Amino acid sequence: MGKSDEDALARAKKIKYSVSSADSILDLPAGFAIDKNSKYRAQNVLVLVQIPVGKK
């Protein structure tokens, strides 16, 4: 959230969430980092994983 949509987007861009993959393994970290100058405001990260039909 922010005072405006632009402010909210700027805050969201400061969130660091590093996803990695190797072969068929997707590594999703348990946490994320926010900019040290940003206040914690109940930020969260939503990850949507889409898998093609017929793939595992």
PDB file of N, CA and C in Angstrom:
ATOM      1  N   MET A   1       0.831  -1.173   0.000  1.00  0.00           N
ATOM      2  CA  MET A   1       0.000   0.000   0.000  1.00  0.00           C
ATOM      3  C   MET A   1       0.882   1.245   0.000  1.00  0.00           C
ATOM      4  N   GLY A   2       0.324   2.274  -0.522  1.00  0.00           N
ATOM      5  CA  GLY A   2       1.019   3.541  -0.552  1.00  0.00           C
ATOM      6  C   GLY A   2       0.028   4.668  -0.653  1.00  0.00           C
ATOM      7  N   LYS A   3       0.530   5.878  -0.641  1.00  0.00           N
ATOM      8  CA  LYS A   3      -0.350   7.039  -0.752  1.00  0.00           C
ATOM      9  C   LYS A   3      -1.002   7.089  -2.126  1.00  0.00           C
ATOM     10  N   SER A   4      -0.347   6.484  -3.101  1.00  0.00           N
ATOM     11  CA  SER A   4      -0.874   6.424  -4.465  1.00  0.00           C
ATOM     12  C   SER A   4      -0.456   5.091  -5.085  1.00  0.00           C
ATOM     13  N   ASP A   5      -1.001   4.782  -6.239  1.00  0.00           N
ATOM     14  CA  ASP A   5      -0.607   3.555  -6.942  1.00  0.00           C
ATOM     15  C   ASP A   5       0.880   3.582  -7.280  1.00  0.00           C
ATOM     16  N   GLU A   6       1.381   4.752  -7.660  1.00  0.00           N
ATOM     17  CA  GLU A   6       2.795   4.888  -8.010  1.00  0.00           C
ATOM     18  C   GLU A   6       3.680   4.645  -6.791  1.00  0.00           C
ATOM     19  N   ASP A   7       3.257   5.152  -5.635  1.00  0.00           N
ATOM     20  CA  ASP A   7       4.009   4.953  -4.397  1.00  0.00           C
ATOM     21  C   ASP A   7       4.026   3.469  -4.021  1.00  0.00           C
ATOM     22  N   ALA A   8       2.886   2.800  -4.148  1.00  0.00           N
ATOM     23  CA  ALA A   8       2.803   1.373  -3.840  1.00  0.00           C
ATOM     24  C   ALA A   8       3.703   0.566  -4.769  1.00  0.00           C
ATOM     25  N   LEU A   9       3.716   0.906  -6.053  1.00  0.00           N
ATOM     26  CA  LEU A   9       4.559   0.204  -7.011  1.00  0.00           C
ATOM     27  C   LEU A   9       6.038   0.416  -6.700  1.00  0.00           C
ATOM     28  N   ALA A  10       6.409   1.632  -6.326  1.00  0.00           N
ATOM     29  CA  ALA A  10       7.800   1.920  -5.971  1.00  0.00           C
ATOM     30  C   ALA A  10       8.217   1.092  -4.753  1.00  0.00           C
ATOM     31  N   ARG A  11       7.334   0.961  -3.765  1.00  0.00           N
ATOM     32  CA  ARG A  11       7.634   0.142  -2.585  1.00  0.00           C
ATOM     33  C   ARG A  11       7.774  -1.325  -2.969  1.00  0.00           C
ATOM     34  N   ALA A  12       6.877  -1.803  -3.822  1.00  0.00           N
ATOM     35  CA  ALA A  12       6.906  -3.210  -4.246  1.00  0.00           C
ATOM     36  C   ALA A  12       8.193  -3.535  -4.996  1.00  0.00           C
ATOM     37  N   LYS A  13       8.696  -2.607  -5.778  1.00  0.00           N
ATOM     38  CA  LYS A  13       9.930  -2.845  -6.534  1.00  0.00           C
ATOM     39  C   LYS A  13      11.153  -2.975  -5.636  1.00  0.00           C
ATOM     40  N   LYS A  14      11.052  -2.497  -4.392  1.00  0.00           N
ATOM     41  CA  LYS A  14      12.173  -2.578  -3.457  1.00  0.00           C
ATOM     42  C   LYS A  14      12.234  -3.926  -2.741  1.00  0.00           C
ATOM     43  N   ILE A  15      11.198  -4.760  -2.893  1.00  0.00           N
ATOM     44  CA  ILE A  15      11.180  -6.075  -2.253  1.00  0.00           C
ATOM     45  C   ILE A  15      12.127  -7.003  -3.010  1.00  0.00           C
ATOM     46  N   LYS A  16      12.986  -7.682  -2.276  1.00  0.00           N
ATOM     47  CA  LYS A  16      13.926  -8.638  -2.868  1.00  0.00           C
ATOM     48  C   LYS A  16      13.450 -10.052  -2.561  1.00  0.00           C
ATOM     49  N   TYR A  17      13.146 -10.810  -3.610  1.00  0.00           N
ATOM     50  CA  TYR A  17      12.703 -12.196  -3.469  1.00  0.00           C
ATOM     51  C   TYR A  17      13.373 -12.985  -4.583  1.00  0.00           C
ATOM     52  N   SER A  18      14.350 -13.799  -4.232  1.00  0.00           N
ATOM     53  CA  SER A  18      15.172 -14.490  -5.223  1.00  0.00           C
ATOM     54  C   SER A  18      14.716 -15.936  -5.413  1.00  0.00           C
ATOM     55  N   VAL A  19      14.152 -16.206  -6.559  1.00  0.00           N
ATOM     56  CA  VAL A  19      13.703 -17.552  -6.928  1.00  0.00           C
ATOM     57  C   VAL A  19      14.770 -18.172  -7.818  1.00  0.00           C
ATOM     58  N   SER A  20      15.027 -19.457  -7.634  1.00  0.00           N
ATOM     59  CA  SER A  20      15.988 -20.129  -8.509  1.00  0.00           C
ATOM     60  C   SER A  20      15.404 -21.468  -8.954  1.00  0.00           C
ATOM     61  N   SER A  21      15.879 -21.925 -10.101  1.00  0.00           N
ATOM     62  CA  SER A  21      15.430 -23.224 -10.608  1.00  0.00           C
ATOM     63  C   SER A  21      16.593 -23.936 -11.279  1.00  0.00           C
ATOM     64  N   ALA A  22      16.544 -25.250 -11.176  1.00  0.00           N
ATOM     65  CA  ALA A  22      17.541 -26.095 -11.829  1.00  0.00           C
ATOM     66  C   ALA A  22      16.828 -27.370 -12.237  1.00  0.00           C
ATOM     67  N   ASP A  23      16.875 -27.666 -13.516  1.00  0.00           N
ATOM     68  CA  ASP A  23      16.163 -28.817 -14.070  1.00  0.00           C
ATOM     69  C   ASP A  23      14.685 -28.701 -13.696  1.00  0.00           C
ATOM     70  N   SER A  24      14.165 -29.663 -12.942  1.00  0.00           N
ATOM     71  CA  SER A  24      12.745 -29.638 -12.585  1.00  0.00           C
ATOM     72  C   SER A  24      12.516 -29.164 -11.152  1.00  0.00           C
ATOM     73  N   ILE A  25      13.528 -28.559 -10.533  1.00  0.00           N
ATOM     74  CA  ILE A  25      13.411 -28.118  -9.142  1.00  0.00           C
ATOM     75  C   ILE A  25      13.278 -26.600  -9.097  1.00  0.00           C
ATOM     76  N   LEU A  26      12.246 -26.153  -8.422  1.00  0.00           N
ATOM     77  CA  LEU A  26      12.001 -24.723  -8.239  1.00  0.00           C
ATOM     78  C   LEU A  26      12.212 -24.407  -6.759  1.00  0.00           C
ATOM     79  N   ASP A  27      13.157 -23.529  -6.467  1.00  0.00           N
ATOM     80  CA  ASP A  27      13.482 -23.171  -5.091  1.00  0.00           C
ATOM     81  C   ASP A  27      12.842 -21.825  -4.752  1.00  0.00           C
ATOM     82  N   LEU A  28      11.861 -21.867  -3.846  1.00  0.00           N
ATOM     83  CA  LEU A  28      11.171 -20.655  -3.411  1.00  0.00           C
ATOM     84  C   LEU A  28      11.593 -20.356  -1.973  1.00  0.00           C
ATOM     85  N   PRO A  29      12.240 -19.222  -1.730  1.00  0.00           N
ATOM     86  CA  PRO A  29      12.682 -18.894  -0.379  1.00  0.00           C
ATOM     87  C   PRO A  29      11.506 -18.731   0.584  1.00  0.00           C
ATOM     88  N   ALA A  30      11.745 -18.964   1.858  1.00  0.00           N
ATOM     89  CA  ALA A  30      10.706 -18.835   2.882  1.00  0.00           C
ATOM     90  C   ALA A  30      10.449 -17.372   3.252  1.00  0.00           C
ATOM     91  N   GLY A  31      11.383 -16.498   2.933  1.00  0.00           N
ATOM     92  CA  GLY A  31      11.230 -15.101   3.301  1.00  0.00           C
ATOM     93  C   GLY A  31      11.695 -14.173   2.202  1.00  0.00           C
ATOM     94  N   PHE A  32      11.598 -12.887   2.476  1.00  0.00           N
ATOM     95  CA  PHE A  32      12.024 -11.876   1.511  1.00  0.00           C
ATOM     96  C   PHE A  32      12.623 -10.705   2.268  1.00  0.00           C
ATOM     97  N   ALA A  33      13.304  -9.849   1.556  1.00  0.00           N
ATOM     98  CA  ALA A  33      13.942  -8.688   2.165  1.00  0.00           C
ATOM     99  C   ALA A  33      13.305  -7.411   1.632  1.00  0.00           C
ATOM    100  N   ILE A  34      13.207  -6.432   2.515  1.00  0.00           N
ATOM    101  CA  ILE A  34      12.744  -5.111   2.092  1.00  0.00           C
ATOM    102  C   ILE A  34      13.872  -4.114   2.319  1.00  0.00           C
ATOM    103  N   ASP A  35      13.803  -3.002   1.631  1.00  0.00           N
ATOM    104  CA  ASP A  35      14.806  -1.951   1.728  1.00  0.00           C
ATOM    105  C   ASP A  35      14.945  -1.498   3.185  1.00  0.00           C
ATOM    106  N   LYS A  36      16.177  -1.286   3.643  1.00  0.00           N
ATOM    107  CA  LYS A  36      16.385  -0.934   5.051  1.00  0.00           C
ATOM    108  C   LYS A  36      15.779   0.411   5.418  1.00  0.00           C
ATOM    109  N   ASN A  37      15.506   1.244   4.437  1.00  0.00           N
ATOM    110  CA  ASN A  37      14.883   2.542   4.707  1.00  0.00           C
ATOM    111  C   ASN A  37      13.360   2.486   4.638  1.00  0.00           C
ATOM    112  N   SER A  38      12.814   1.337   4.274  1.00  0.00           N
ATOM    113  CA  SER A  38      11.366   1.179   4.187  1.00  0.00           C
ATOM    114  C   SER A  38      10.830   0.612   5.495  1.00  0.00           C
ATOM    115  N   LYS A  39       9.664   1.063   5.870  1.00  0.00           N
ATOM    116  CA  LYS A  39       9.022   0.538   7.069  1.00  0.00           C
ATOM    117  C   LYS A  39       8.322  -0.764   6.729  1.00  0.00           C
ATOM    118  N   TYR A  40       8.236  -1.657   7.712  1.00  0.00           N
ATOM    119  CA  TYR A  40       7.476  -2.882   7.510  1.00  0.00           C
ATOM    120  C   TYR A  40       6.002  -2.539   7.597  1.00  0.00           C
ATOM    121  N   ARG A  41       5.279  -2.847   6.559  1.00  0.00           N
ATOM    122  CA  ARG A  41       3.848  -2.546   6.494  1.00  0.00           C
ATOM    123  C   ARG A  41       3.066  -3.790   6.076  1.00  0.00           C
ATOM    124  N   ALA A  42       3.412  -4.915   6.680  1.00  0.00           N
ATOM    125  CA  ALA A  42       2.735  -6.187   6.393  1.00  0.00           C
ATOM    126  C   ALA A  42       2.855  -6.551   4.911  1.00  0.00           C
ATOM    127  N   GLN A  43       4.010  -6.265   4.304  1.00  0.00           N
ATOM    128  CA  GLN A  43       4.228  -6.646   2.919  1.00  0.00           C
ATOM    129  C   GLN A  43       4.202  -8.170   2.809  1.00  0.00           C
ATOM    130  N   ASN A  44       3.847  -8.648   1.648  1.00  0.00           N
ATOM    131  CA  ASN A  44       3.904 -10.082   1.390  1.00  0.00           C
ATOM    132  C   ASN A  44       4.204 -10.302  -0.078  1.00  0.00           C
ATOM    133  N   VAL A  45       4.592 -11.525  -0.372  1.00  0.00           N
ATOM    134  CA  VAL A  45       4.907 -11.903  -1.743  1.00  0.00           C
ATOM    135  C   VAL A  45       3.961 -13.018  -2.139  1.00  0.00           C
ATOM    136  N   LEU A  46       3.307 -12.865  -3.266  1.00  0.00           N
ATOM    137  CA  LEU A  46       2.424 -13.896  -3.803  1.00  0.00           C
ATOM    138  C   LEU A  46       3.124 -14.509  -5.011  1.00  0.00           C
ATOM    139  N   VAL A  47       3.298 -15.825  -4.982  1.00  0.00           N
ATOM    140  CA  VAL A  47       3.959 -16.531  -6.080  1.00  0.00           C
ATOM    141  C   VAL A  47       2.915 -17.395  -6.767  1.00  0.00           C
ATOM    142  N   LEU A  48       2.751 -17.189  -8.049  1.00  0.00           N
ATOM    143  CA  LEU A  48       1.833 -17.982  -8.854  1.00  0.00           C
ATOM    144  C   LEU A  48       2.672 -18.858  -9.770  1.00  0.00           C
ATOM    145  N   VAL A  49       2.567 -20.174  -9.586  1.00  0.00           N
ATOM    146  CA  VAL A  49       3.340 -21.117 -10.390  1.00  0.00           C
ATOM    147  C   VAL A  49       2.376 -21.763 -11.378  1.00  0.00           C
ATOM    148  N   GLN A  50       2.654 -21.618 -12.658  1.00  0.00           N
ATOM    149  CA  GLN A  50       1.827 -22.216 -13.689  1.00  0.00           C
ATOM    150  C   GLN A  50       2.620 -23.329 -14.358  1.00  0.00           C
ATOM    151  N   ILE A  51       2.007 -24.492 -14.419  1.00  0.00           N
ATOM    152  CA  ILE A  51       2.660 -25.662 -15.021  1.00  0.00           C
ATOM    153  C   ILE A  51       1.847 -26.085 -16.234  1.00  0.00           C
ATOM    154  N   PRO A  52       2.495 -26.232 -17.381  1.00  0.00           N
ATOM    155  CA  PRO A  52       1.766 -26.642 -18.589  1.00  0.00           C
ATOM    156  C   PRO A  52       1.117 -28.011 -18.419  1.00  0.00           C
ATOM    157  N   VAL A  53      -0.009 -28.194 -19.063  1.00  0.00           N
ATOM    158  CA  VAL A  53      -0.705 -29.476 -19.016  1.00  0.00           C
ATOM    159  C   VAL A  53       0.237 -30.582 -19.520  1.00  0.00           C
ATOM    160  N   GLY A  54       0.296 -31.683 -18.776  1.00  0.00           N
ATOM    161  CA  GLY A  54       1.120 -32.812 -19.162  1.00  0.00           C
ATOM    162  C   GLY A  54       2.540 -32.767 -18.598  1.00  0.00           C
ATOM    163  N   LYS A  55       2.904 -31.675 -17.932  1.00  0.00           N
ATOM    164  CA  LYS A  55       4.234 -31.556 -17.338  1.00  0.00           C
ATOM    165  C   LYS A  55       4.153 -31.810 -15.844  1.00  0.00           C
ATOM    166  N   LYS A  56       5.292 -32.237 -15.263  1.00  0.00           N
ATOM    167  CA  LYS A  56       5.354 -32.485 -13.821  1.00  0.00           C
ATOM    168  C   LYS A  56       6.254 -31.452 -13.195  1.00  0.00           C
TER     169      LYS A  56
END
